[in-house]
Amino acid sequence: MRTPLLIALVLVSTACKDKESGGKPSAGRRGGDHKPTGTPRPQAKLTVTVDGKPVPMATALAWKSWDGQIRLEVSSVPVGCDEVTGDMRRIHDGEVNFHVHIANALQPDGTQKPMLSETWFDGMSRVQLRALVPSTGDGSPGQPTTADVEFESESAGGEPRKKLVVKGTIDALGCAVEPRKDLPPLPPPMAGTIEIAGKKLPIRFAKLDVSREWPSLELYTGGEACKPVAYAPSSELRVYLTWFDKAKPEVSQIAIGGSILGDAADQTFDKAKLTVTPMPLAPGELEIAGDIVVNNYPVKLAGKVTAVVCPKD
């Protein structure tokens, strides 16, 4: 069974990490005679320790990322916007740095509130944390953006692994970032739609897996595909349907998630109000219909999709 519960995605890095304007692995390097280009912005309300030892943070920067989220970069040296927003990220000798992503989380009543969607430290990214965080600002150039955070992380490689503990308020200054010009277009919309808490989007990709004991149907509103597409926007809304009994048409579990939604799986919804036809499941055109409640979120599914079975790697 595939359910989008809390997961940790390990990204191994050497002297540099994926940087914002693309998110692709960069070819940066460590140290050298390069000097930090930024102005100090001491983080007096932020406590950071590495392996229990306090590390003062010299600056924090923020900007709107290509996927619509706000990224906050925090460093023990006064790095500048030009250093952290490009495809290459040079790590200074002795530098301790981490970043967090803030997104607006869709609430059951249709409102949106800031949430912590990702943290990064020394090669380790933890995604889908979904903790709501008090936050101000939106990463606008030259303007302050703050976020009250509390989290722990470990480095991705090396033994013993380093442990980062962060607690307090990040007070970042906004950076100007040129919009990416190489983002791929979204797949064309299908006739089917997902509506969660009043947010309605067309389904653009439907993935079917009938090879396992528990068949599943995954519905996406973003740029997902059988093979990853560089810089493709992830789904704002997505739905996973799982059948625990192949012989029964009744959906056993529904899981909802997406870039603006915390992940939640539910087996207690009104199963009579959610149908997928025809059955048994097979690639091709499927019709979905549902008007249910999932963990307090009103969820509506409607229309037809063309489901594909992705080839195995």
Protein backbone atom coordinates (compact mmCIF):
# COMPACT_ATOMS: atom_id res chain seq x y z
CA MET A 1 0.00 0.00 0.00
CA ARG A 2 1.29 3.42 -0.85
CA THR A 3 0.25 6.22 1.46
CA PRO A 4 1.84 9.67 1.53
CA LEU A 5 2.75 9.70 5.22
CA LEU A 6 5.63 11.65 6.71
CA ILE A 7 8.72 10.75 4.70
CA ALA A 8 12.33 11.75 4.60
CA LEU A 9 14.08 12.21 1.28
CA VAL A 10 17.82 11.88 1.47
CA LEU A 11 19.75 13.99 -0.98
CA VAL A 12 23.45 13.32 -0.87
CA SER A 13 25.68 16.30 -1.52
CA THR A 14 29.40 16.90 -1.46
CA ALA A 15 30.67 20.46 -1.42
CA CYS A 16 27.46 22.05 -2.55
CA LYS A 17 23.72 21.60 -2.59
CA ASP A 18 20.89 22.01 -5.07
CA LYS A 19 20.24 25.67 -5.54
CA GLU A 20 17.12 27.59 -6.12
CA SER A 21 16.88 28.86 -9.64
CA GLY A 22 16.76 25.29 -10.84
CA GLY A 23 16.85 22.90 -7.94
CA LYS A 24 19.25 20.76 -9.96
CA PRO A 25 22.57 19.49 -8.60
CA SER A 26 25.13 22.24 -8.90
CA ALA A 27 28.86 22.01 -9.37
CA GLY A 28 29.89 24.28 -6.54
CA ARG A 29 32.98 23.87 -4.43
CA ARG A 30 34.10 24.52 -0.90
CA GLY A 31 36.37 27.19 0.48
CA GLY A 32 39.01 28.82 -1.64
CA ASP A 33 39.67 32.55 -1.53
CA HIS A 34 36.04 33.48 -2.20
CA LYS A 35 34.65 35.89 0.38
CA PRO A 36 31.01 36.20 1.49
CA THR A 37 29.25 38.99 -0.39
CA GLY A 38 26.38 39.75 1.98
CA THR A 39 25.72 42.14 4.83
CA PRO A 40 25.49 40.63 8.32
CA ARG A 41 21.95 40.19 9.64
CA PRO A 42 22.51 38.48 13.02
CA GLN A 43 19.73 36.11 14.02
CA ALA A 44 19.30 37.18 17.64
CA LYS A 45 15.98 35.35 18.09
CA LEU A 46 17.19 32.08 16.62
CA THR A 47 19.02 29.32 18.50
CA VAL A 48 21.04 26.87 16.42
CA THR A 49 23.22 24.04 17.69
CA VAL A 50 25.28 21.43 15.87
CA ASP A 51 26.04 18.38 17.98
CA GLY A 52 24.97 20.38 21.00
CA LYS A 53 27.31 23.31 20.36
CA PRO A 54 25.75 26.75 19.74
CA VAL A 55 26.41 28.23 16.30
CA PRO A 56 25.53 31.93 15.82
CA MET A 57 23.76 32.58 12.54
CA ALA A 58 25.17 35.63 10.74
CA THR A 59 22.43 36.18 8.18
CA ALA A 60 19.18 34.92 6.66
CA LEU A 61 17.83 35.52 3.16
CA ALA A 62 14.45 34.79 1.58
CA TRP A 63 12.99 34.62 -1.92
CA LYS A 64 10.07 33.25 -3.88
CA SER A 65 11.11 29.98 -5.46
CA TRP A 66 10.12 28.80 -8.92
CA ASP A 67 7.53 26.41 -7.45
CA GLY A 68 5.67 29.21 -5.65
CA GLN A 69 7.00 28.52 -2.17
CA ILE A 70 9.11 30.85 -0.04
CA ARG A 71 12.65 29.73 0.64
CA LEU A 72 14.66 30.94 3.62
CA GLU A 73 18.44 30.39 3.66
CA VAL A 74 20.23 30.76 7.00
CA SER A 75 24.03 30.80 7.33
CA SER A 76 26.75 31.31 9.90
CA VAL A 77 28.53 33.61 7.44
CA PRO A 78 27.08 36.74 5.77
CA VAL A 79 26.32 35.26 2.36
CA GLY A 80 24.70 37.44 -0.30
CA CYS A 81 21.71 36.91 -2.55
CA ASP A 82 24.01 36.39 -5.53
CA GLU A 83 25.62 33.44 -3.75
CA VAL A 84 22.51 31.50 -2.77
CA THR A 85 19.88 32.07 -5.48
CA GLY A 86 21.80 30.81 -8.51
CA ASP A 87 22.46 27.32 -9.82
CA MET A 88 25.80 27.14 -8.02
CA ARG A 89 26.26 27.32 -4.26
CA ARG A 90 29.75 27.73 -2.80
CA ILE A 91 30.10 26.58 0.80
CA HIS A 92 32.58 28.71 2.75
CA ASP A 93 35.19 27.15 5.02
CA GLY A 94 33.64 26.51 8.41
CA GLU A 95 30.17 27.57 7.26
CA VAL A 96 27.06 26.06 8.85
CA ASN A 97 23.95 26.62 6.79
CA PHE A 98 20.44 25.28 6.36
CA HIS A 99 17.30 26.26 4.55
CA VAL A 100 13.57 25.86 4.96
CA HIS A 101 10.64 26.13 2.57
CA ILE A 102 7.37 27.78 3.55
CA ALA A 103 4.13 27.11 1.69
CA ASN A 104 0.52 28.11 2.27
CA ALA A 105 -1.38 25.12 3.66
CA LEU A 106 -5.00 24.64 2.65
CA GLN A 107 -7.24 24.30 5.72
CA PRO A 108 -10.55 22.37 5.93
CA ASP A 109 -12.47 25.67 5.88
CA GLY A 110 -10.79 26.76 2.65
CA THR A 111 -8.39 29.27 4.21
CA GLN A 112 -4.61 28.98 3.84
CA LYS A 113 -1.95 29.24 6.55
CA PRO A 114 1.89 29.12 6.36
CA MET A 115 3.41 25.67 6.83
CA LEU A 116 6.90 24.26 6.92
CA SER A 117 7.11 22.09 3.81
CA GLU A 118 10.83 21.22 3.67
CA THR A 119 14.06 21.54 5.62
CA TRP A 120 17.62 21.02 4.34
CA PHE A 121 20.87 20.54 6.26
CA ASP A 122 24.21 19.17 5.06
CA GLY A 123 22.81 17.02 2.27
CA MET A 124 19.66 15.90 4.07
CA SER A 125 16.25 17.13 2.92
CA ARG A 126 13.16 16.35 4.93
CA VAL A 127 10.00 16.98 2.98
CA GLN A 128 6.28 16.98 3.76
CA LEU A 129 6.79 18.01 7.37
CA ARG A 130 3.60 20.09 7.15
CA ALA A 131 3.98 21.85 10.50
CA LEU A 132 2.08 25.13 10.64
CA VAL A 133 4.41 28.02 11.44
CA PRO A 134 3.74 31.65 12.34
CA SER A 135 5.19 33.64 9.45
CA THR A 136 5.18 37.15 8.01
CA GLY A 137 6.27 38.43 4.62
CA ASP A 138 6.44 36.68 1.27
CA GLY A 139 10.08 36.85 0.23
CA SER A 140 9.68 40.14 -1.63
CA PRO A 141 13.03 41.77 -2.52
CA GLY A 142 14.38 44.07 0.17
CA GLN A 143 11.54 43.27 2.58
CA PRO A 144 11.68 41.19 5.78
CA THR A 145 10.25 37.68 5.95
CA THR A 146 10.03 35.91 9.29
CA ALA A 147 9.18 32.36 10.34
CA ASP A 148 8.97 30.77 13.78
CA VAL A 149 10.48 27.31 13.42
CA GLU A 150 11.47 24.36 15.57
CA PHE A 151 13.01 21.24 14.04
CA GLU A 152 15.91 18.81 14.14
CA SER A 153 17.89 17.26 11.30
CA GLU A 154 20.96 15.13 10.67
CA SER A 155 23.59 15.31 7.96
CA ALA A 156 23.17 12.91 5.06
CA GLY A 157 26.58 11.28 5.10
CA GLY A 158 29.70 10.71 7.12
CA GLU A 159 30.08 9.14 10.53
CA PRO A 160 29.25 10.25 13.05
CA ARG A 161 26.45 12.24 11.51
CA LYS A 162 26.06 15.83 12.60
CA LYS A 163 22.85 16.78 14.38
CA LEU A 164 21.26 20.18 13.81
CA VAL A 165 18.71 21.64 16.24
CA VAL A 166 16.91 24.86 15.30
CA LYS A 167 14.45 26.83 17.42
CA GLY A 168 13.23 30.41 17.28
CA THR A 169 12.52 33.11 14.72
CA ILE A 170 14.23 33.38 11.35
CA ASP A 171 14.38 37.05 10.31
CA ALA A 172 15.30 37.05 6.61
CA LEU A 173 15.77 39.80 4.05
CA GLY A 174 14.17 39.28 0.64
CA CYS A 175 16.25 38.66 -2.51
CA ALA A 176 15.41 39.55 -6.09
CA VAL A 177 15.37 36.43 -8.28
CA GLU A 178 14.84 36.30 -12.02
CA PRO A 179 12.00 33.92 -12.97
CA ARG A 180 13.06 30.68 -14.60
CA LYS A 181 12.52 30.54 -18.34
CA ASP A 182 12.99 26.79 -18.76
CA LEU A 183 10.03 25.48 -16.75
CA PRO A 184 8.16 22.79 -18.71
CA PRO A 185 4.47 23.28 -19.47
CA LEU A 186 1.95 21.33 -17.45
CA PRO A 187 0.38 18.26 -19.09
CA PRO A 188 -3.00 18.99 -20.69
CA PRO A 189 -5.97 18.74 -18.33
CA MET A 190 -8.23 15.71 -18.37
CA ALA A 191 -11.99 15.85 -17.89
CA GLY A 192 -11.69 14.70 -14.29
CA THR A 193 -11.25 17.14 -11.40
CA ILE A 194 -10.17 17.16 -7.77
CA GLU A 195 -11.79 19.62 -5.37
CA ILE A 196 -10.60 19.86 -1.77
CA ALA A 197 -11.91 22.49 0.66
CA GLY A 198 -13.21 24.55 -2.25
CA LYS A 199 -9.95 24.42 -4.26
CA LYS A 200 -10.77 22.80 -7.62
CA LEU A 201 -8.18 21.73 -10.18
CA PRO A 202 -8.16 19.48 -13.26
CA ILE A 203 -6.46 16.11 -13.11
CA ARG A 204 -3.45 16.00 -15.44
CA PHE A 205 -1.97 12.58 -14.74
CA ALA A 206 -3.54 9.31 -13.57
CA LYS A 207 -1.31 6.40 -12.59
CA LEU A 208 -2.66 2.89 -12.10
CA ASP A 209 -0.90 0.00 -10.37
CA VAL A 210 -2.68 -3.37 -10.48
CA SER A 211 0.45 -5.51 -10.10
CA ARG A 212 0.41 -5.55 -6.31
CA GLU A 213 -1.84 -7.25 -3.81
CA TRP A 214 -3.51 -3.90 -3.13
CA PRO A 215 -4.25 -2.06 -6.41
CA SER A 216 -3.98 1.73 -6.42
CA LEU A 217 -5.00 4.70 -8.53
CA GLU A 218 -3.05 7.94 -8.16
CA LEU A 219 -4.48 11.25 -9.41
CA TYR A 220 -2.31 14.34 -9.90
CA THR A 221 -3.00 17.97 -10.80
CA GLY A 222 0.64 18.94 -11.50
CA GLY A 223 3.54 17.97 -13.71
CA GLU A 224 4.11 14.42 -12.45
CA ALA A 225 4.67 11.70 -15.04
CA CYS A 226 5.93 8.13 -15.25
CA LYS A 227 9.43 9.54 -15.67
CA PRO A 228 10.42 12.66 -13.71
CA VAL A 229 10.54 15.88 -15.72
CA ALA A 230 13.12 18.45 -14.62
CA TYR A 231 11.54 21.44 -12.85
CA ALA A 232 8.01 20.18 -13.44
CA PRO A 233 5.71 21.78 -10.83
CA SER A 234 4.46 19.25 -8.31
CA SER A 235 0.72 18.83 -7.77
CA GLU A 236 -1.04 21.34 -5.59
CA LEU A 237 -3.62 18.62 -4.98
CA ARG A 238 -3.32 14.85 -5.36
CA VAL A 239 -5.39 11.82 -4.39
CA TYR A 240 -4.40 8.19 -3.88
CA LEU A 241 -7.08 5.48 -3.93
CA THR A 242 -6.31 1.99 -2.64
CA TRP A 243 -8.27 -1.25 -2.79
CA PHE A 244 -7.51 -3.84 -0.10
CA ASP A 245 -9.60 -6.48 -1.90
CA LYS A 246 -9.22 -6.86 -5.65
CA ALA A 247 -12.58 -8.61 -5.88
CA LYS A 248 -14.53 -5.68 -4.43
CA PRO A 249 -15.20 -2.40 -6.25
CA GLU A 250 -15.34 -0.49 -2.96
CA VAL A 251 -12.36 1.82 -2.36
CA SER A 252 -10.71 0.85 0.94
CA GLN A 253 -8.54 3.89 1.61
CA ILE A 254 -8.18 7.40 0.28
CA ALA A 255 -5.14 9.60 0.84
CA ILE A 256 -4.98 13.29 -0.01
CA GLY A 257 -1.95 15.56 -0.28
CA GLY A 258 -0.16 18.09 -2.43
CA SER A 259 2.10 21.12 -2.27
CA ILE A 260 -0.62 23.20 -0.57
CA LEU A 261 -2.00 20.40 1.57
CA GLY A 262 -0.71 18.30 4.43
CA ASP A 263 -0.82 14.57 3.74
CA ALA A 264 -3.65 12.55 5.28
CA ALA A 265 -4.87 8.98 4.80
CA ASP A 266 -8.35 7.84 5.79
CA GLN A 267 -10.27 4.55 5.82
CA THR A 268 -13.36 5.90 7.58
CA PHE A 269 -14.98 7.95 4.81
CA ASP A 270 -18.42 7.11 3.39
CA LYS A 271 -17.39 4.43 0.91
CA ALA A 272 -20.79 4.40 -0.74
CA LYS A 273 -20.15 7.96 -1.94
CA LEU A 274 -16.91 7.18 -3.80
CA THR A 275 -16.90 5.09 -6.97
CA VAL A 276 -14.50 4.24 -9.75
CA THR A 277 -15.79 2.53 -12.91
CA PRO A 278 -15.43 0.28 -14.76
CA MET A 279 -14.23 -2.52 -12.55
CA PRO A 280 -12.04 -4.52 -12.37
CA LEU A 281 -9.39 -1.84 -12.75
CA ALA A 282 -7.53 -1.68 -16.05
CA PRO A 283 -5.55 0.94 -17.98
CA GLY A 284 -7.63 3.31 -20.05
CA GLU A 285 -10.61 5.51 -19.37
CA LEU A 286 -11.97 5.50 -15.84
CA GLU A 287 -14.80 7.53 -14.39
CA ILE A 288 -14.53 8.75 -10.82
CA ALA A 289 -17.28 10.17 -8.63
CA GLY A 290 -17.05 11.14 -4.99
CA ASP A 291 -18.38 13.61 -2.47
CA ILE A 292 -16.85 12.67 0.86
CA VAL A 293 -15.03 13.99 3.92
CA VAL A 294 -11.41 12.99 4.57
CA ASN A 295 -9.95 14.00 7.93
CA ASN A 296 -12.34 16.97 8.09
CA TYR A 297 -11.56 18.06 4.49
CA PRO A 298 -14.48 18.11 2.04
CA VAL A 299 -13.30 16.18 -1.03
CA LYS A 300 -15.03 15.97 -4.40
CA LEU A 301 -13.88 13.86 -7.35
CA ALA A 302 -15.66 14.02 -10.68
CA GLY A 303 -15.24 13.17 -14.35
CA LYS A 304 -13.16 10.89 -16.51
CA VAL A 305 -9.42 10.26 -16.60
CA THR A 306 -7.14 8.16 -18.75
CA ALA A 307 -5.14 5.95 -16.41
CA VAL A 308 -1.74 4.56 -17.42
CA VAL A 309 0.44 1.82 -16.02
CA CYS A 310 3.99 3.06 -15.78
CA PRO A 311 6.75 0.72 -16.98
CA LYS A 312 8.93 -0.73 -14.28
CA ASP A 313 12.49 0.53 -14.07
